[in-house]
N, C-alpha and C. Protein backbone atom coordinates (compact mmCIF):
# COMPACT_ATOMS: atom_id res chain seq x y z
N MET A 1 114.97 65.39 -51.01
CA MET A 1 115.69 66.61 -50.70
C MET A 1 115.62 67.60 -51.87
N ILE A 2 115.79 67.09 -53.08
CA ILE A 2 115.75 67.97 -54.25
C ILE A 2 114.36 68.57 -54.41
N LYS A 3 113.32 67.76 -54.13
CA LYS A 3 111.95 68.27 -54.25
C LYS A 3 111.71 69.40 -53.25
N ASN A 4 112.29 69.30 -52.07
CA ASN A 4 112.14 70.37 -51.08
C ASN A 4 112.80 71.66 -51.56
N ILE A 5 113.96 71.53 -52.16
CA ILE A 5 114.67 72.71 -52.67
C ILE A 5 113.89 73.31 -53.85
N LEU A 6 113.40 72.45 -54.74
CA LEU A 6 112.64 72.94 -55.89
C LEU A 6 111.30 73.54 -55.49
N GLY A 7 110.78 73.14 -54.34
CA GLY A 7 109.52 73.70 -53.85
C GLY A 7 109.59 75.19 -53.57
N ILE A 8 110.79 75.71 -53.41
CA ILE A 8 110.99 77.13 -53.15
C ILE A 8 110.85 77.95 -54.43
N VAL A 9 111.05 77.34 -55.58
CA VAL A 9 111.08 78.05 -56.86
C VAL A 9 109.81 78.85 -57.14
N PRO A 10 108.59 78.28 -57.01
CA PRO A 10 107.40 79.10 -57.28
C PRO A 10 107.29 80.32 -56.37
N GLY A 11 107.70 80.19 -55.13
CA GLY A 11 107.68 81.34 -54.22
C GLY A 11 108.64 82.43 -54.66
N LEU A 12 109.81 82.01 -55.13
CA LEU A 12 110.78 82.99 -55.63
C LEU A 12 110.28 83.66 -56.90
N GLN A 13 109.63 82.89 -57.75
CA GLN A 13 109.06 83.48 -58.98
C GLN A 13 107.99 84.51 -58.63
N ALA A 14 107.13 84.18 -57.69
CA ALA A 14 106.08 85.11 -57.29
C ALA A 14 106.66 86.37 -56.67
N THR A 15 107.68 86.21 -55.83
CA THR A 15 108.34 87.37 -55.22
C THR A 15 108.97 88.26 -56.28
N SER A 16 109.62 87.65 -57.24
CA SER A 16 110.24 88.40 -58.32
C SER A 16 109.19 89.17 -59.13
N LEU A 17 108.05 88.55 -59.36
CA LEU A 17 106.97 89.20 -60.11
C LEU A 17 106.45 90.42 -59.36
N VAL A 18 106.29 90.28 -58.06
CA VAL A 18 105.81 91.40 -57.25
C VAL A 18 106.82 92.54 -57.27
N ILE A 19 108.09 92.22 -57.08
CA ILE A 19 109.13 93.25 -57.07
C ILE A 19 109.20 93.96 -58.43
N HIS A 20 109.04 93.21 -59.49
CA HIS A 20 109.12 93.80 -60.82
C HIS A 20 107.93 94.72 -61.09
N ASN A 21 106.77 94.41 -60.52
CA ASN A 21 105.56 95.18 -60.79
C ASN A 21 105.34 96.35 -59.84
N ILE A 22 106.24 96.56 -58.89
CA ILE A 22 106.14 97.72 -58.01
C ILE A 22 107.42 98.55 -58.19
N PRO A 23 107.53 99.22 -59.32
CA PRO A 23 108.75 99.99 -59.58
C PRO A 23 108.78 101.31 -58.80
N LYS A 24 109.93 101.88 -58.75
CA LYS A 24 110.11 103.15 -58.06
C LYS A 24 109.48 104.31 -58.84
N LYS A 25 109.37 104.15 -60.13
CA LYS A 25 108.87 105.24 -60.98
C LYS A 25 107.35 105.22 -61.13
N PHE A 26 106.67 104.34 -60.44
CA PHE A 26 105.22 104.22 -60.59
C PHE A 26 104.54 105.15 -59.60
N PRO A 27 104.12 106.32 -60.05
CA PRO A 27 103.56 107.30 -59.12
C PRO A 27 102.16 106.93 -58.66
N MET A 28 101.85 107.24 -57.41
CA MET A 28 100.51 106.99 -56.89
C MET A 28 99.53 108.06 -57.38
N LYS A 29 100.03 109.26 -57.61
CA LYS A 29 99.18 110.30 -58.16
C LYS A 29 99.80 110.77 -59.48
N PRO A 30 98.98 111.21 -60.39
CA PRO A 30 99.50 111.62 -61.70
C PRO A 30 100.49 112.78 -61.59
N SER A 31 101.56 112.67 -62.31
CA SER A 31 102.53 113.77 -62.33
C SER A 31 102.35 114.57 -63.61
N LYS A 32 102.83 115.78 -63.58
CA LYS A 32 102.69 116.64 -64.75
C LYS A 32 103.69 116.25 -65.84
N LYS A 33 104.78 115.60 -65.43
CA LYS A 33 105.80 115.22 -66.40
C LYS A 33 105.34 114.06 -67.28
N MET A 34 104.58 113.13 -66.71
CA MET A 34 104.18 111.94 -67.44
C MET A 34 102.75 112.11 -67.94
N SER A 35 102.54 111.90 -69.22
CA SER A 35 101.21 112.06 -69.79
C SER A 35 100.29 110.93 -69.33
N MET A 36 99.01 111.15 -69.42
CA MET A 36 98.03 110.15 -69.01
C MET A 36 98.14 108.90 -69.87
N LYS A 37 98.47 109.08 -71.14
CA LYS A 37 98.59 107.95 -72.06
C LYS A 37 99.74 107.04 -71.63
N LYS A 38 100.87 107.63 -71.23
CA LYS A 38 102.02 106.85 -70.77
C LYS A 38 101.69 106.11 -69.48
N GLN A 39 101.00 106.79 -68.58
CA GLN A 39 100.64 106.15 -67.31
C GLN A 39 99.72 104.96 -67.55
N THR A 40 98.74 105.14 -68.41
CA THR A 40 97.80 104.06 -68.72
C THR A 40 98.52 102.89 -69.38
N LYS A 41 99.41 103.20 -70.30
CA LYS A 41 100.17 102.15 -70.98
C LYS A 41 101.00 101.35 -69.97
N GLY A 42 101.62 102.03 -69.03
CA GLY A 42 102.42 101.36 -68.02
C GLY A 42 101.60 100.46 -67.12
N ILE A 43 100.41 100.94 -66.74
CA ILE A 43 99.52 100.14 -65.88
C ILE A 43 99.04 98.90 -66.62
N VAL A 44 98.66 99.06 -67.87
CA VAL A 44 98.20 97.92 -68.67
C VAL A 44 99.33 96.91 -68.86
N LYS A 45 100.51 97.40 -69.14
CA LYS A 45 101.67 96.53 -69.35
C LYS A 45 101.97 95.70 -68.10
N ARG A 46 101.91 96.35 -66.93
CA ARG A 46 102.15 95.63 -65.68
C ARG A 46 101.05 94.62 -65.39
N GLY A 47 99.82 94.98 -65.72
CA GLY A 47 98.70 94.06 -65.51
C GLY A 47 98.82 92.81 -66.36
N VAL A 48 99.17 92.99 -67.62
CA VAL A 48 99.34 91.85 -68.51
C VAL A 48 100.52 90.99 -68.04
N MET A 49 101.60 91.63 -67.63
CA MET A 49 102.76 90.89 -67.14
C MET A 49 102.40 90.06 -65.91
N THR A 50 101.59 90.63 -65.03
CA THR A 50 101.18 89.92 -63.82
C THR A 50 100.32 88.71 -64.17
N LEU A 51 99.36 88.90 -65.07
CA LEU A 51 98.49 87.79 -65.45
C LEU A 51 99.27 86.67 -66.12
N LEU A 52 100.19 87.01 -67.00
CA LEU A 52 101.01 86.00 -67.65
C LEU A 52 101.95 85.32 -66.66
N GLY A 53 102.51 86.10 -65.76
CA GLY A 53 103.43 85.54 -64.76
C GLY A 53 102.74 84.54 -63.86
N ILE A 54 101.54 84.88 -63.41
CA ILE A 54 100.78 83.96 -62.56
C ILE A 54 100.45 82.70 -63.35
N GLY A 55 100.09 82.87 -64.61
CA GLY A 55 99.79 81.72 -65.45
C GLY A 55 100.98 80.80 -65.66
N LEU A 56 102.18 81.33 -65.60
CA LEU A 56 103.37 80.50 -65.77
C LEU A 56 103.87 79.91 -64.45
N ILE A 57 103.55 80.54 -63.34
CA ILE A 57 103.98 80.01 -62.05
C ILE A 57 103.19 78.75 -61.70
N LYS A 58 101.91 78.72 -62.04
CA LYS A 58 101.08 77.56 -61.72
C LYS A 58 101.59 76.26 -62.35
N PRO A 59 101.91 76.24 -63.65
CA PRO A 59 102.44 75.00 -64.23
C PRO A 59 103.80 74.60 -63.63
N THR A 60 104.60 75.59 -63.28
CA THR A 60 105.89 75.28 -62.66
C THR A 60 105.68 74.58 -61.33
N ALA A 61 104.75 75.08 -60.52
CA ALA A 61 104.47 74.46 -59.23
C ALA A 61 103.91 73.05 -59.42
N LYS A 62 103.07 72.85 -60.44
CA LYS A 62 102.51 71.53 -60.70
C LYS A 62 103.59 70.55 -61.13
N MET A 63 104.51 70.99 -61.99
CA MET A 63 105.59 70.11 -62.42
C MET A 63 106.47 69.70 -61.24
N ILE A 64 106.73 70.62 -60.36
CA ILE A 64 107.56 70.30 -59.19
C ILE A 64 106.84 69.34 -58.26
N SER A 65 105.54 69.54 -58.07
CA SER A 65 104.79 68.64 -57.18
C SER A 65 104.65 67.24 -57.77
N ASP A 66 104.72 67.11 -59.09
CA ASP A 66 104.62 65.81 -59.74
C ASP A 66 105.92 65.01 -59.69
N LEU A 67 107.00 65.61 -59.28
CA LEU A 67 108.29 64.89 -59.21
C LEU A 67 108.26 63.79 -58.18
């Protein structure tokens, strides 16, 4: 029973990562208020966060499956 409950954790982590990486302030087209440098920095930051997040979700799922 506990393993079934813990099996939900990687899905919740992935959902949280997606929600965090799709902010309200992320414009689809460049705005005049935000410089290109800031936009690029934000995109790179989100990309790195996504790659690290995925890398951390995989070991969590493996640990849960090994229980």
